[in-house]
């Protein structure tokens, strides 16, 4: 009987853990904290076929979106992007000013593990990162044992946001 109860508790725990979704901050709050919302422009960046090729290299998979929404105030932009960790999307906010990351934050985490990437000790590594000529980050990002796929997701999104920001500034 005790084994049956233990089995039911474990099964319930696993089922509950499988549907985990942690919202740490809303898009609206992230944008308002980054930019003065009285002067923010919501814009759309259209993605060309050539852009998709570059994005696919950065993200290491196809990019099927036709456009990306972002927020801009003078030379500052905010990008809200999703990337798959292991199986589910992680929603990440990236604030960029003068072609460098000001703040990168995990807004929503849906995976069952790897959520250590939400902490400031990890995301602070992205501050002041820029994009190099070969679309890499200008600084090294230390990984977290057990959160490798989440670390990769955040690093790819940081690179993508910087690339999209560069493209948006050209237009």
C-alpha atoms as a PDB file:
ATOM      1  CA  UNK A   1       0.000   0.000   0.000  1.00  0.00           C
ATOM      2  CA  UNK A   2       2.817   2.404   0.863  1.00  0.00           C
ATOM      3  CA  UNK A   3       4.468   1.673  -2.489  1.00  0.00           C
ATOM      4  CA  UNK A   4       1.203   2.448  -4.281  1.00  0.00           C
ATOM      5  CA  UNK A   5       0.821   5.766  -2.456  1.00  0.00           C
ATOM      6  CA  UNK A   6       4.450   6.646  -3.201  1.00  0.00           C
ATOM      7  CA  UNK A   7       3.928   5.759  -6.879  1.00  0.00           C
ATOM      8  CA  UNK A   8       0.801   7.954  -7.117  1.00  0.00           C
ATOM      9  CA  UNK A   9       2.603  10.888  -5.445  1.00  0.00           C
ATOM     10  CA  UNK A  10       5.569  10.543  -7.812  1.00  0.00           C
ATOM     11  CA  UNK A  11       3.302  10.295 -10.845  1.00  0.00           C
ATOM     12  CA  UNK A  12       1.304  13.360  -9.760  1.00  0.00           C
ATOM     13  CA  UNK A  13       4.510  15.276  -9.136  1.00  0.00           C
ATOM     14  CA  UNK A  14       5.864  14.422 -12.591  1.00  0.00           C
ATOM     15  CA  UNK A  15       2.607  15.353 -14.297  1.00  0.00           C
ATOM     16  CA  UNK A  16       2.489  18.697 -12.504  1.00  0.00           C
ATOM     17  CA  UNK A  17       6.149  19.374 -13.281  1.00  0.00           C
ATOM     18  CA  UNK A  18       5.698  18.598 -16.989  1.00  0.00           C
ATOM     19  CA  UNK A  19       3.316  21.522 -17.451  1.00  0.00           C
ATOM     20  CA  UNK A  20       5.495  24.099 -15.708  1.00  0.00           C
ATOM     21  CA  UNK A  21       5.247  27.650 -16.987  1.00  0.00           C
ATOM     22  CA  UNK A  22       6.882  30.403 -15.017  1.00  0.00           C
ATOM     23  CA  UNK A  23       6.197  34.008 -15.988  1.00  0.00           C
ATOM     24  CA  UNK A  24       8.813  36.244 -14.412  1.00  0.00           C
ATOM     25  CA  UNK A  25       7.871  39.505 -16.122  1.00  0.00           C
ATOM     26  CA  UNK A  26       5.344  40.596 -18.736  1.00  0.00           C
ATOM     27  CA  UNK A  27       6.350  42.075 -22.071  1.00  0.00           C
ATOM     28  CA  UNK A  28       4.658  45.342 -21.139  1.00  0.00           C
ATOM     29  CA  UNK A  29       6.585  45.702 -17.884  1.00  0.00           C
ATOM     30  CA  UNK A  30       9.911  44.839 -19.557  1.00  0.00           C
ATOM     31  CA  UNK A  31       9.344  47.411 -22.327  1.00  0.00           C
ATOM     32  CA  UNK A  32       8.199  50.084 -19.847  1.00  0.00           C
ATOM     33  CA  UNK A  33      11.223  49.478 -17.606  1.00  0.00           C
ATOM     34  CA  UNK A  34      13.580  49.703 -20.582  1.00  0.00           C
ATOM     35  CA  UNK A  35      12.035  52.663 -22.399  1.00  0.00           C
ATOM     36  CA  UNK A  36       9.934  55.670 -21.421  1.00  0.00           C
ATOM     37  CA  UNK A  37       6.553  54.413 -22.606  1.00  0.00           C
ATOM     38  CA  UNK A  38       5.345  57.937 -23.510  1.00  0.00           C
ATOM     39  CA  UNK A  39       7.752  58.122 -26.448  1.00  0.00           C
ATOM     40  CA  UNK A  40       7.994  54.492 -27.560  1.00  0.00           C
ATOM     41  CA  UNK A  41       7.242  53.497 -31.116  1.00  0.00           C
ATOM     42  CA  UNK A  42       6.067  49.967 -31.817  1.00  0.00           C
ATOM     43  CA  UNK A  43       7.597  48.946 -35.118  1.00  0.00           C
ATOM     44  CA  UNK A  44       7.711  45.934 -37.397  1.00  0.00           C
ATOM     45  CA  UNK A  45      10.805  44.624 -39.150  1.00  0.00           C
ATOM     46  CA  UNK A  46      10.006  42.620 -42.266  1.00  0.00           C
ATOM     47  CA  UNK A  47      12.247  39.610 -42.845  1.00  0.00           C
ATOM     48  CA  UNK A  48      13.469  38.959 -46.399  1.00  0.00           C
ATOM     49  CA  UNK A  49      14.604  35.649 -47.855  1.00  0.00           C
ATOM     50  CA  UNK A  50      18.241  36.807 -47.517  1.00  0.00           C
ATOM     51  CA  UNK A  51      17.612  37.782 -43.881  1.00  0.00           C
ATOM     52  CA  UNK A  52      16.227  34.308 -43.179  1.00  0.00           C
ATOM     53  CA  UNK A  53      19.491  32.760 -44.349  1.00  0.00           C
ATOM     54  CA  UNK A  54      21.544  34.859 -41.937  1.00  0.00           C
ATOM     55  CA  UNK A  55      19.050  34.265 -39.126  1.00  0.00           C
ATOM     56  CA  UNK A  56      19.157  30.506 -39.768  1.00  0.00           C
ATOM     57  CA  UNK A  57      22.949  30.623 -39.313  1.00  0.00           C
ATOM     58  CA  UNK A  58      22.598  32.533 -36.049  1.00  0.00           C
ATOM     59  CA  UNK A  59      19.772  30.392 -34.669  1.00  0.00           C
ATOM     60  CA  UNK A  60      20.998  27.081 -36.132  1.00  0.00           C
ATOM     61  CA  UNK A  61      17.527  26.329 -37.500  1.00  0.00           C
ATOM     62  CA  UNK A  62      15.004  27.751 -39.980  1.00  0.00           C
ATOM     63  CA  UNK A  63      13.281  30.998 -39.100  1.00  0.00           C
ATOM     64  CA  UNK A  64       9.693  30.927 -40.379  1.00  0.00           C
ATOM     65  CA  UNK A  65       8.480  34.361 -39.367  1.00  0.00           C
ATOM     66  CA  UNK A  66       7.753  37.070 -41.931  1.00  0.00           C
ATOM     67  CA  UNK A  67       8.143  39.956 -39.506  1.00  0.00           C
ATOM     68  CA  UNK A  68       9.355  40.763 -36.017  1.00  0.00           C
ATOM     69  CA  UNK A  69       7.779  43.364 -33.761  1.00  0.00           C
ATOM     70  CA  UNK A  70      10.005  45.613 -31.666  1.00  0.00           C
ATOM     71  CA  UNK A  71       9.860  48.793 -29.640  1.00  0.00           C
ATOM     72  CA  UNK A  72      12.066  51.815 -30.328  1.00  0.00           C
ATOM     73  CA  UNK A  73      12.938  55.102 -28.691  1.00  0.00           C
ATOM     74  CA  UNK A  74      15.731  57.027 -30.435  1.00  0.00           C
ATOM     75  CA  UNK A  75      18.762  54.675 -30.569  1.00  0.00           C
ATOM     76  CA  UNK A  76      17.282  52.157 -28.102  1.00  0.00           C
ATOM     77  CA  UNK A  77      15.279  49.097 -29.051  1.00  0.00           C
ATOM     78  CA  UNK A  78      13.563  46.285 -27.189  1.00  0.00           C
ATOM     79  CA  UNK A  79      13.102  42.849 -28.726  1.00  0.00           C
ATOM     80  CA  UNK A  80      10.884  40.097 -27.298  1.00  0.00           C
ATOM     81  CA  UNK A  81      11.901  36.793 -28.859  1.00  0.00           C
ATOM     82  CA  UNK A  82      11.204  33.112 -28.249  1.00  0.00           C
ATOM     83  CA  UNK A  83      13.670  30.271 -28.618  1.00  0.00           C
ATOM     84  CA  UNK A  84      13.307  26.587 -27.828  1.00  0.00           C
ATOM     85  CA  UNK A  85      15.374  25.395 -24.878  1.00  0.00           C
ATOM     86  CA  UNK A  86      15.078  21.628 -24.944  1.00  0.00           C
ATOM     87  CA  UNK A  87      11.456  21.212 -25.988  1.00  0.00           C
ATOM     88  CA  UNK A  88       9.535  24.381 -25.188  1.00  0.00           C
ATOM     89  CA  UNK A  89       9.972  28.076 -25.961  1.00  0.00           C
ATOM     90  CA  UNK A  90      11.707  30.470 -23.603  1.00  0.00           C
ATOM     91  CA  UNK A  91      10.513  34.077 -23.975  1.00  0.00           C
ATOM     92  CA  UNK A  92      13.397  36.521 -23.668  1.00  0.00           C
ATOM     93  CA  UNK A  93      13.470  40.315 -23.574  1.00  0.00           C
ATOM     94  CA  UNK A  94      16.528  42.120 -24.923  1.00  0.00           C
ATOM     95  CA  UNK A  95      17.096  45.863 -24.469  1.00  0.00           C
ATOM     96  CA  UNK A  96      19.715  47.318 -26.821  1.00  0.00           C
ATOM     97  CA  UNK A  97      21.237  50.798 -26.860  1.00  0.00           C
ATOM     98  CA  UNK A  98      23.948  51.976 -29.258  1.00  0.00           C
ATOM     99  CA  UNK A  99      24.445  48.454 -30.666  1.00  0.00           C
ATOM    100  CA  UNK A 100      25.131  46.908 -27.232  1.00  0.00           C
ATOM    101  CA  UNK A 101      22.934  44.909 -24.880  1.00  0.00           C
ATOM    102  CA  UNK A 102      21.762  46.926 -21.892  1.00  0.00           C
ATOM    103  CA  UNK A 103      19.615  44.192 -20.361  1.00  0.00           C
ATOM    104  CA  UNK A 104      18.644  40.639 -21.218  1.00  0.00           C
ATOM    105  CA  UNK A 105      15.917  38.955 -19.163  1.00  0.00           C
ATOM    106  CA  UNK A 106      14.003  35.684 -19.226  1.00  0.00           C
ATOM    107  CA  UNK A 107      10.343  36.716 -19.251  1.00  0.00           C
ATOM    108  CA  UNK A 108       8.706  33.281 -19.443  1.00  0.00           C
ATOM    109  CA  UNK A 109      10.307  29.878 -18.894  1.00  0.00           C
ATOM    110  CA  UNK A 110       8.359  26.766 -19.891  1.00  0.00           C
ATOM    111  CA  UNK A 111      10.927  23.966 -19.553  1.00  0.00           C
ATOM    112  CA  UNK A 112      11.084  21.546 -16.636  1.00  0.00           C
ATOM    113  CA  UNK A 113      14.784  22.251 -16.014  1.00  0.00           C
ATOM    114  CA  UNK A 114      17.448  24.781 -16.883  1.00  0.00           C
ATOM    115  CA  UNK A 115      15.677  27.761 -15.345  1.00  0.00           C
ATOM    116  CA  UNK A 116      18.905  28.908 -13.695  1.00  0.00           C
ATOM    117  CA  UNK A 117      19.321  31.150 -16.757  1.00  0.00           C
ATOM    118  CA  UNK A 118      16.651  33.466 -15.307  1.00  0.00           C
ATOM    119  CA  UNK A 119      18.975  34.706 -12.571  1.00  0.00           C
ATOM    120  CA  UNK A 120      20.910  37.970 -12.757  1.00  0.00           C
ATOM    121  CA  UNK A 121      24.215  36.180 -12.096  1.00  0.00           C
ATOM    122  CA  UNK A 122      23.789  34.584 -15.525  1.00  0.00           C
ATOM    123  CA  UNK A 123      22.018  37.273 -17.579  1.00  0.00           C
ATOM    124  CA  UNK A 124      24.394  40.024 -16.387  1.00  0.00           C
ATOM    125  CA  UNK A 125      27.055  38.386 -18.579  1.00  0.00           C
ATOM    126  CA  UNK A 126      25.243  39.733 -21.651  1.00  0.00           C
ATOM    127  CA  UNK A 127      25.444  43.373 -20.538  1.00  0.00           C
ATOM    128  CA  UNK A 128      27.519  45.454 -22.993  1.00  0.00           C
ATOM    129  CA  UNK A 129      27.810  42.549 -25.456  1.00  0.00           C
ATOM    130  CA  UNK A 130      27.949  43.568 -29.085  1.00  0.00           C
ATOM    131  CA  UNK A 131      27.833  41.665 -32.359  1.00  0.00           C
ATOM    132  CA  UNK A 132      31.124  40.919 -34.102  1.00  0.00           C
ATOM    133  CA  UNK A 133      31.601  40.902 -37.873  1.00  0.00           C
ATOM    134  CA  UNK A 134      30.933  37.140 -37.957  1.00  0.00           C
ATOM    135  CA  UNK A 135      27.670  37.518 -35.951  1.00  0.00           C
ATOM    136  CA  UNK A 136      29.120  36.265 -32.657  1.00  0.00           C
ATOM    137  CA  UNK A 137      28.929  37.949 -29.279  1.00  0.00           C
ATOM    138  CA  UNK A 138      31.872  40.175 -28.411  1.00  0.00           C
ATOM    139  CA  UNK A 139      32.266  38.526 -25.016  1.00  0.00           C
ATOM    140  CA  UNK A 140      32.325  34.992 -23.683  1.00  0.00           C
ATOM    141  CA  UNK A 141      29.205  33.671 -21.919  1.00  0.00           C
ATOM    142  CA  UNK A 142      29.875  31.091 -19.200  1.00  0.00           C
ATOM    143  CA  UNK A 143      27.525  28.124 -19.236  1.00  0.00           C
ATOM    144  CA  UNK A 144      25.614  26.517 -16.392  1.00  0.00           C
ATOM    145  CA  UNK A 145      25.910  22.796 -15.744  1.00  0.00           C
ATOM    146  CA  UNK A 146      22.530  21.185 -16.353  1.00  0.00           C
ATOM    147  CA  UNK A 147      21.187  24.174 -18.294  1.00  0.00           C
ATOM    148  CA  UNK A 148      23.217  23.856 -21.491  1.00  0.00           C
ATOM    149  CA  UNK A 149      20.266  24.075 -23.884  1.00  0.00           C
ATOM    150  CA  UNK A 150      18.779  27.060 -22.053  1.00  0.00           C
ATOM    151  CA  UNK A 151      22.160  28.813 -22.122  1.00  0.00           C
ATOM    152  CA  UNK A 152      22.398  28.191 -25.870  1.00  0.00           C
ATOM    153  CA  UNK A 153      18.872  29.530 -26.377  1.00  0.00           C
ATOM    154  CA  UNK A 154      19.643  32.793 -24.571  1.00  0.00           C
ATOM    155  CA  UNK A 155      22.949  33.202 -26.382  1.00  0.00           C
ATOM    156  CA  UNK A 156      21.297  32.694 -29.776  1.00  0.00           C
ATOM    157  CA  UNK A 157      18.537  35.180 -28.919  1.00  0.00           C
ATOM    158  CA  UNK A 158      21.116  37.755 -27.807  1.00  0.00           C
ATOM    159  CA  UNK A 159      22.923  37.369 -31.145  1.00  0.00           C
ATOM    160  CA  UNK A 160      19.652  37.528 -33.084  1.00  0.00           C
ATOM    161  CA  UNK A 161      18.430  40.635 -31.253  1.00  0.00           C
ATOM    162  CA  UNK A 162      21.710  42.435 -31.945  1.00  0.00           C
ATOM    163  CA  UNK A 163      21.548  41.438 -35.615  1.00  0.00           C
ATOM    164  CA  UNK A 164      17.904  42.525 -35.935  1.00  0.00           C
ATOM    165  CA  UNK A 165      18.723  45.792 -34.167  1.00  0.00           C
ATOM    166  CA  UNK A 166      21.553  46.440 -36.624  1.00  0.00           C
ATOM    167  CA  UNK A 167      19.210  45.752 -39.547  1.00  0.00           C
ATOM    168  CA  UNK A 168      16.502  48.004 -38.090  1.00  0.00           C
ATOM    169  CA  UNK A 169      18.976  50.866 -37.640  1.00  0.00           C
ATOM    170  CA  UNK A 170      19.932  50.652 -41.329  1.00  0.00           C
ATOM    171  CA  UNK A 171      16.327  51.060 -42.503  1.00  0.00           C
END
